[in-house]
PDB file of N, CA and C in Angstrom:
ATOM      1  N   MET A   1      -8.698   5.694  15.031  1.00  0.00           N
ATOM      2  CA  MET A   1      -8.995   4.297  14.837  1.00  0.00           C
ATOM      3  C   MET A   1      -9.607   4.064  13.455  1.00  0.00           C
ATOM      4  N   VAL A   2     -10.468   4.949  13.013  1.00  0.00           N
ATOM      5  CA  VAL A   2     -11.092   4.810  11.703  1.00  0.00           C
ATOM      6  C   VAL A   2     -10.035   4.867  10.612  1.00  0.00           C
ATOM      7  N   VAL A   3      -9.060   5.720  10.778  1.00  0.00           N
ATOM      8  CA  VAL A   3      -7.998   5.836   9.778  1.00  0.00           C
ATOM      9  C   VAL A   3      -7.233   4.520   9.669  1.00  0.00           C
ATOM     10  N   LEU A   4      -6.928   3.908  10.800  1.00  0.00           N
ATOM     11  CA  LEU A   4      -6.164   2.672  10.776  1.00  0.00           C
ATOM     12  C   LEU A   4      -6.967   1.511  10.194  1.00  0.00           C
ATOM     13  N   LEU A   5      -8.247   1.458  10.481  1.00  0.00           N
ATOM     14  CA  LEU A   5      -9.056   0.324  10.033  1.00  0.00           C
ATOM     15  C   LEU A   5      -9.617   0.476   8.625  1.00  0.00           C
ATOM     16  N   MET A   6      -9.912   1.678   8.213  1.00  0.00           N
ATOM     17  CA  MET A   6     -10.592   1.866   6.932  1.00  0.00           C
ATOM     18  C   MET A   6      -9.691   2.451   5.839  1.00  0.00           C
ATOM     19  N   VAL A   7      -8.858   3.395   6.175  1.00  0.00           N
ATOM     20  CA  VAL A   7      -8.106   4.119   5.153  1.00  0.00           C
ATOM     21  C   VAL A   7      -6.752   3.471   4.866  1.00  0.00           C
ATOM     22  N   MET A   8      -6.010   3.132   5.881  1.00  0.00           N
ATOM     23  CA  MET A   8      -4.648   2.616   5.686  1.00  0.00           C
ATOM     24  C   MET A   8      -4.584   1.330   4.857  1.00  0.00           C
ATOM     25  N   PRO A   9      -5.486   0.361   5.054  1.00  0.00           N
ATOM     26  CA  PRO A   9      -5.394  -0.851   4.211  1.00  0.00           C
ATOM     27  C   PRO A   9      -5.567  -0.560   2.725  1.00  0.00           C
ATOM     28  N   ARG A  10      -6.248   0.496   2.369  1.00  0.00           N
ATOM     29  CA  ARG A  10      -6.444   0.810   0.962  1.00  0.00           C
ATOM     30  C   ARG A  10      -5.203   1.453   0.342  1.00  0.00           C
ATOM     31  N   PHE A  11      -4.354   2.048   1.148  1.00  0.00           N
ATOM     32  CA  PHE A  11      -3.127   2.649   0.630  1.00  0.00           C
ATOM     33  C   PHE A  11      -1.971   1.660   0.580  1.00  0.00           C
ATOM     34  N   ALA A  12      -1.922   0.751   1.519  1.00  0.00           N
ATOM     35  CA  ALA A  12      -0.813  -0.201   1.595  1.00  0.00           C
ATOM     36  C   ALA A  12      -1.087  -1.392   0.685  1.00  0.00           C
ATOM     37  N   GLY A  13      -0.077  -1.819  -0.033  1.00  0.00           N
ATOM     38  CA  GLY A  13      -0.215  -2.981  -0.898  1.00  0.00           C
ATOM     39  C   GLY A  13      -0.379  -4.260  -0.110  1.00  0.00           C
ATOM     40  N   GLY A  14       0.320  -4.354   0.982  1.00  0.00           N
ATOM     41  CA  GLY A  14       0.208  -5.518   1.853  1.00  0.00           C
ATOM     42  C   GLY A  14       1.193  -6.608   1.498  1.00  0.00           C
ATOM     43  N   LEU A  15       1.424  -7.473   2.450  1.00  0.00           N
ATOM     44  CA  LEU A  15       2.325  -8.595   2.258  1.00  0.00           C
ATOM     45  C   LEU A  15       1.582  -9.908   2.091  1.00  0.00           C
ATOM     46  N   HIS A  16       0.258  -9.892   2.235  1.00  0.00           N
ATOM     47  CA  HIS A  16      -0.517 -11.119   2.168  1.00  0.00           C
ATOM     48  C   HIS A  16      -0.752 -11.552   0.731  1.00  0.00           C
ATOM     49  N   PRO A  17      -0.694 -12.872   0.476  1.00  0.00           N
ATOM     50  CA  PRO A  17      -1.001 -13.353  -0.870  1.00  0.00           C
ATOM     51  C   PRO A  17      -2.445 -13.052  -1.220  1.00  0.00           C
ATOM     52  N   GLY A  18      -2.704 -12.757  -2.460  1.00  0.00           N
ATOM     53  CA  GLY A  18      -4.055 -12.443  -2.887  1.00  0.00           C
ATOM     54  C   GLY A  18      -4.370 -10.959  -2.849  1.00  0.00           C
ATOM     55  N   LYS A  19      -3.578 -10.174  -2.157  1.00  0.00           N
ATOM     56  CA  LYS A  19      -3.762  -8.725  -2.118  1.00  0.00           C
ATOM     57  C   LYS A  19      -3.269  -8.147  -3.439  1.00  0.00           C
ATOM     58  N   SER A  20      -3.854  -7.137  -3.896  1.00  0.00           N
ATOM     59  CA  SER A  20      -3.516  -6.430  -5.131  1.00  0.00           C
ATOM     60  C   SER A  20      -3.644  -7.313  -6.376  1.00  0.00           C
ATOM     61  N   GLY A  21      -4.594  -8.245  -6.371  1.00  0.00           N
ATOM     62  CA  GLY A  21      -4.954  -8.966  -7.575  1.00  0.00           C
ATOM     63  C   GLY A  21      -4.206 -10.241  -7.885  1.00  0.00           C
ATOM     64  N   ASN A  22      -3.094 -10.531  -7.230  1.00  0.00           N
ATOM     65  CA  ASN A  22      -2.391 -11.768  -7.572  1.00  0.00           C
ATOM     66  C   ASN A  22      -3.059 -12.959  -6.885  1.00  0.00           C
ATOM     67  N   PRO A  23      -3.061 -14.115  -7.513  1.00  0.00           N
ATOM     68  CA  PRO A  23      -3.697 -15.287  -6.890  1.00  0.00           C
ATOM     69  C   PRO A  23      -2.892 -15.750  -5.688  1.00  0.00           C
ATOM     70  N   ALA A  24      -3.569 -16.177  -4.660  1.00  0.00           N
ATOM     71  CA  ALA A  24      -2.894 -16.620  -3.445  1.00  0.00           C
ATOM     72  C   ALA A  24      -2.172 -17.942  -3.686  1.00  0.00           C
ATOM     73  N   PHE A  25      -0.978 -18.054  -3.172  1.00  0.00           N
ATOM     74  CA  PHE A  25      -0.149 -19.247  -3.244  1.00  0.00           C
ATOM     75  C   PHE A  25       0.070 -19.738  -4.676  1.00  0.00           C
ATOM     76  N   SER A  26       0.360 -18.829  -5.554  1.00  0.00           N
ATOM     77  CA  SER A  26       0.749 -19.243  -6.902  1.00  0.00           C
ATOM     78  C   SER A  26       2.239 -19.564  -6.885  1.00  0.00           C
ATOM     79  N   LYS A  27       2.784 -19.933  -8.022  1.00  0.00           N
ATOM     80  CA  LYS A  27       4.206 -20.272  -8.059  1.00  0.00           C
ATOM     81  C   LYS A  27       5.090 -19.052  -7.833  1.00  0.00           C
ATOM     82  N   TYR A  28       4.531 -17.846  -7.941  1.00  0.00           N
ATOM     83  CA  TYR A  28       5.314 -16.633  -7.733  1.00  0.00           C
ATOM     84  C   TYR A  28       5.319 -16.164  -6.281  1.00  0.00           C
ATOM     85  N   ASP A  29       4.360 -16.645  -5.488  1.00  0.00           N
ATOM     86  CA  ASP A  29       4.239 -16.164  -4.111  1.00  0.00           C
ATOM     87  C   ASP A  29       5.173 -16.870  -3.142  1.00  0.00           C
ATOM     88  N   LEU A  30       5.323 -18.165  -3.310  1.00  0.00           N
ATOM     89  CA  LEU A  30       6.087 -18.943  -2.339  1.00  0.00           C
ATOM     90  C   LEU A  30       7.262 -19.612  -3.046  1.00  0.00           C
ATOM     91  N   ASP A  31       8.424 -19.117  -2.801  1.00  0.00           N
ATOM     92  CA  ASP A  31       9.653 -19.623  -3.373  1.00  0.00           C
ATOM     93  C   ASP A  31       9.925 -21.033  -2.830  1.00  0.00           C
ATOM     94  N   SER A  32      10.610 -21.866  -3.570  1.00  0.00           N
ATOM     95  CA  SER A  32      10.807 -23.265  -3.177  1.00  0.00           C
ATOM     96  C   SER A  32      11.573 -23.401  -1.863  1.00  0.00           C
ATOM     97  N   SER A  33      12.467 -22.479  -1.573  1.00  0.00           N
ATOM     98  CA  SER A  33      13.181 -22.560  -0.291  1.00  0.00           C
ATOM     99  C   SER A  33      12.245 -22.238   0.873  1.00  0.00           C
ATOM    100  N   LEU A  34      11.221 -21.427   0.634  1.00  0.00           N
ATOM    101  CA  LEU A  34      10.245 -21.149   1.684  1.00  0.00           C
ATOM    102  C   LEU A  34       9.262 -22.302   1.860  1.00  0.00           C
ATOM    103  N   ARG A  35       8.993 -23.011   0.776  1.00  0.00           N
ATOM    104  CA  ARG A  35       8.077 -24.156   0.859  1.00  0.00           C
ATOM    105  C   ARG A  35       8.639 -25.250   1.755  1.00  0.00           C
ATOM    106  N   THR A  36       9.956 -25.418   1.770  1.00  0.00           N
ATOM    107  CA  THR A  36      10.552 -26.463   2.608  1.00  0.00           C
ATOM    108  C   THR A  36      10.372 -26.171   4.091  1.00  0.00           C
ATOM    109  N   VAL A  37      10.095 -24.946   4.437  1.00  0.00           N
ATOM    110  CA  VAL A  37       9.835 -24.579   5.828  1.00  0.00           C
ATOM    111  C   VAL A  37       8.338 -24.461   6.082  1.00  0.00           C
ATOM    112  N   PHE A  38       7.602 -23.911   5.127  1.00  0.00           N
ATOM    113  CA  PHE A  38       6.180 -23.625   5.333  1.00  0.00           C
ATOM    114  C   PHE A  38       5.355 -24.892   5.528  1.00  0.00           C
ATOM    115  N   TYR A  39       5.471 -25.854   4.634  1.00  0.00           N
ATOM    116  CA  TYR A  39       4.619 -27.035   4.712  1.00  0.00           C
ATOM    117  C   TYR A  39       4.919 -27.916   5.929  1.00  0.00           C
ATOM    118  N   PRO A  40       6.178 -28.152   6.301  1.00  0.00           N
ATOM    119  CA  PRO A  40       6.404 -28.871   7.557  1.00  0.00           C
ATOM    120  C   PRO A  40       5.880 -28.100   8.785  1.00  0.00           C
ATOM    121  N   ALA A  41       5.932 -26.773   8.728  1.00  0.00           N
ATOM    122  CA  ALA A  41       5.395 -25.982   9.840  1.00  0.00           C
ATOM    123  C   ALA A  41       3.882 -26.153   9.941  1.00  0.00           C
ATOM    124  N   VAL A  42       3.204 -26.188   8.801  1.00  0.00           N
ATOM    125  CA  VAL A  42       1.756 -26.406   8.800  1.00  0.00           C
ATOM    126  C   VAL A  42       1.431 -27.775   9.388  1.00  0.00           C
ATOM    127  N   ILE A  43       2.164 -28.788   8.957  1.00  0.00           N
ATOM    128  CA  ILE A  43       1.949 -30.134   9.491  1.00  0.00           C
ATOM    129  C   ILE A  43       2.224 -30.162  10.989  1.00  0.00           C
ATOM    130  N   GLY A  44       3.270 -29.481  11.422  1.00  0.00           N
ATOM    131  CA  GLY A  44       3.591 -29.414  12.848  1.00  0.00           C
ATOM    132  C   GLY A  44       2.493 -28.759  13.661  1.00  0.00           C
ATOM    133  N   PHE A  45       1.917 -27.668  13.157  1.00  0.00           N
ATOM    134  CA  PHE A  45       0.848 -27.002  13.887  1.00  0.00           C
ATOM    135  C   PHE A  45      -0.415 -27.852  13.932  1.00  0.00           C
ATOM    136  N   VAL A  46      -0.690 -28.589  12.869  1.00  0.00           N
ATOM    137  CA  VAL A  46      -1.847 -29.491  12.883  1.00  0.00           C
ATOM    138  C   VAL A  46      -1.642 -30.585  13.921  1.00  0.00           C
ATOM    139  N   LEU A  47      -0.454 -31.172  13.956  1.00  0.00           N
ATOM    140  CA  LEU A  47      -0.162 -32.205  14.946  1.00  0.00           C
ATOM    141  C   LEU A  47      -0.188 -31.649  16.365  1.00  0.00           C
ATOM    142  N   LEU A  48       0.295 -30.438  16.551  1.00  0.00           N
ATOM    143  CA  LEU A  48       0.242 -29.802  17.866  1.00  0.00           C
ATOM    144  C   LEU A  48      -1.206 -29.585  18.304  1.00  0.00           C
ATOM    145  N   GLY A  49      -2.056 -29.145  17.392  1.00  0.00           N
ATOM    146  CA  GLY A  49      -3.469 -28.975  17.706  1.00  0.00           C
ATOM    147  C   GLY A  49      -4.134 -30.289  18.056  1.00  0.00           C
ATOM    148  N   TYR A  50      -3.782 -31.361  17.337  1.00  0.00           N
ATOM    149  CA  TYR A  50      -4.339 -32.679  17.648  1.00  0.00           C
ATOM    150  C   TYR A  50      -3.880 -33.147  19.024  1.00  0.00           C
ATOM    151  N   TRP A  51      -2.607 -32.898  19.350  1.00  0.00           N
ATOM    152  CA  TRP A  51      -2.094 -33.277  20.664  1.00  0.00           C
ATOM    153  C   TRP A  51      -2.832 -32.517  21.771  1.00  0.00           C
ATOM    154  N   PHE A  52      -3.070 -31.214  21.587  1.00  0.00           N
ATOM    155  CA  PHE A  52      -3.850 -30.440  22.566  1.00  0.00           C
ATOM    156  C   PHE A  52      -5.249 -31.011  22.723  1.00  0.00           C
ATOM    157  N   TYR A  53      -5.860 -31.386  21.606  1.00  0.00           N
ATOM    158  CA  TYR A  53      -7.201 -31.969  21.646  1.00  0.00           C
ATOM    159  C   TYR A  53      -7.204 -33.265  22.461  1.00  0.00           C
ATOM    160  N   LYS A  54      -6.232 -34.150  22.217  1.00  0.00           N
ATOM    161  CA  LYS A  54      -6.168 -35.419  22.943  1.00  0.00           C
ATOM    162  C   LYS A  54      -5.879 -35.196  24.429  1.00  0.00           C
ATOM    163  N   MET A  55      -5.029 -34.219  24.759  1.00  0.00           N
ATOM    164  CA  MET A  55      -4.756 -33.929  26.168  1.00  0.00           C
ATOM    165  C   MET A  55      -6.011 -33.428  26.866  1.00  0.00           C
ATOM    166  N   ASN A  56      -6.775 -32.582  26.193  1.00  0.00           N
ATOM    167  CA  ASN A  56      -8.015 -32.077  26.764  1.00  0.00           C
ATOM    168  C   ASN A  56      -9.008 -33.227  26.968  1.00  0.00           C
ATOM    169  N   GLU A  57      -9.065 -34.148  26.021  1.00  0.00           N
ATOM    170  CA  GLU A  57      -9.946 -35.305  26.144  1.00  0.00           C
ATOM    171  C   GLU A  57      -9.550 -36.165  27.341  1.00  0.00           C
ATOM    172  N   ARG A  58      -8.269 -36.383  27.536  1.00  0.00           N
ATOM    173  CA  ARG A  58      -7.793 -37.169  28.687  1.00  0.00           C
ATOM    174  C   ARG A  58      -8.134 -36.489  30.000  1.00  0.00           C
ATOM    175  N   ILE A  59      -7.983 -35.183  30.052  1.00  0.00           N
ATOM    176  CA  ILE A  59      -8.313 -34.439  31.277  1.00  0.00           C
ATOM    177  C   ILE A  59      -9.791 -34.578  31.596  1.00  0.00           C
ATOM    178  N   MET A  60     -10.638 -34.484  30.568  1.00  0.00           N
ATOM    179  CA  MET A  60     -12.084 -34.620  30.787  1.00  0.00           C
ATOM    180  C   MET A  60     -12.426 -36.012  31.312  1.00  0.00           C
ATOM    181  N   ILE A  61     -11.790 -37.056  30.775  1.00  0.00           N
ATOM    182  CA  ILE A  61     -12.035 -38.424  31.239  1.00  0.00           C
ATOM    183  C   ILE A  61     -11.603 -38.577  32.686  1.00  0.00           C
ATOM    184  N   LEU A  62     -10.434 -38.036  33.035  1.00  0.00           N
ATOM    185  CA  LEU A  62      -9.962 -38.125  34.419  1.00  0.00           C
ATOM    186  C   LEU A  62     -10.871 -37.362  35.375  1.00  0.00           C
ATOM    187  N   GLU A  63     -11.380 -36.205  34.957  1.00  0.00           N
ATOM    188  CA  GLU A  63     -12.298 -35.456  35.808  1.00  0.00           C
ATOM    189  C   GLU A  63     -13.602 -36.218  36.012  1.00  0.00           C
ATOM    190  N   ASP A  64     -14.086 -36.892  34.965  1.00  0.00           N
ATOM    191  CA  ASP A  64     -15.302 -37.701  35.099  1.00  0.00           C
ATOM    192  C   ASP A  64     -15.082 -38.858  36.066  1.00  0.00           C
ATOM    193  N   LYS A  65     -13.929 -39.508  35.976  1.00  0.00           N
ATOM    194  CA  LYS A  65     -13.619 -40.609  36.881  1.00  0.00           C
ATOM    195  C   LYS A  65     -13.512 -40.117  38.321  1.00  0.00           C
ATOM    196  N   GLN A  66     -12.935 -38.948  38.502  1.00  0.00           N
ATOM    197  CA  GLN A  66     -12.795 -38.393  39.849  1.00  0.00           C
ATOM    198  C   GLN A  66     -14.166 -38.061  40.428  1.00  0.00           C
ATOM    199  N   GLU A  67     -15.076 -37.518  39.630  1.00  0.00           N
ATOM    200  CA  GLU A  67     -16.419 -37.237  40.103  1.00  0.00           C
ATOM    201  C   GLU A  67     -17.161 -38.512  40.468  1.00  0.00           C
ATOM    202  N   GLU A  68     -16.956 -39.596  39.698  1.00  0.00           N
ATOM    203  CA  GLU A  68     -17.599 -40.872  40.016  1.00  0.00           C
ATOM    204  C   GLU A  68     -17.087 -41.428  41.332  1.00  0.00           C
ATOM    205  N   ASN A  69     -15.784 -41.271  41.594  1.00  0.00           N
ATOM    206  CA  ASN A  69     -15.218 -41.766  42.839  1.00  0.00           C
ATOM    207  C   ASN A  69     -15.675 -40.949  44.042  1.00  0.00           C
ATOM    208  N   ASN A  70     -15.934 -39.674  43.852  1.00  0.00           N
ATOM    209  CA  ASN A  70     -16.368 -38.815  44.959  1.00  0.00           C
ATOM    210  C   ASN A  70     -17.832 -39.012  45.294  1.00  0.00           C
ATOM    211  N   ASP A  71     -18.622 -39.553  44.354  1.00  0.00           N
ATOM    212  CA  ASP A  71     -20.060 -39.754  44.613  1.00  0.00           C
ATOM    213  C   ASP A  71     -20.338 -41.026  45.307  1.00  0.00           C
TER     214      ASP A  71
END
């Protein structure tokens, strides 16, 4: 486990932006054809998270109403 967590990351260059000294998300990291997929995906995940938040809020309101009716 120590080898995987401590030693291996130092040998591998990695696929993540910012690894090995290059700035993250520079013009060299994300090609324009990838940007057309990446940014809409980010927006989609943000909207999905907001939808989950609103659904959770509705469930909490309904549970509160149900508790009021049972009392």
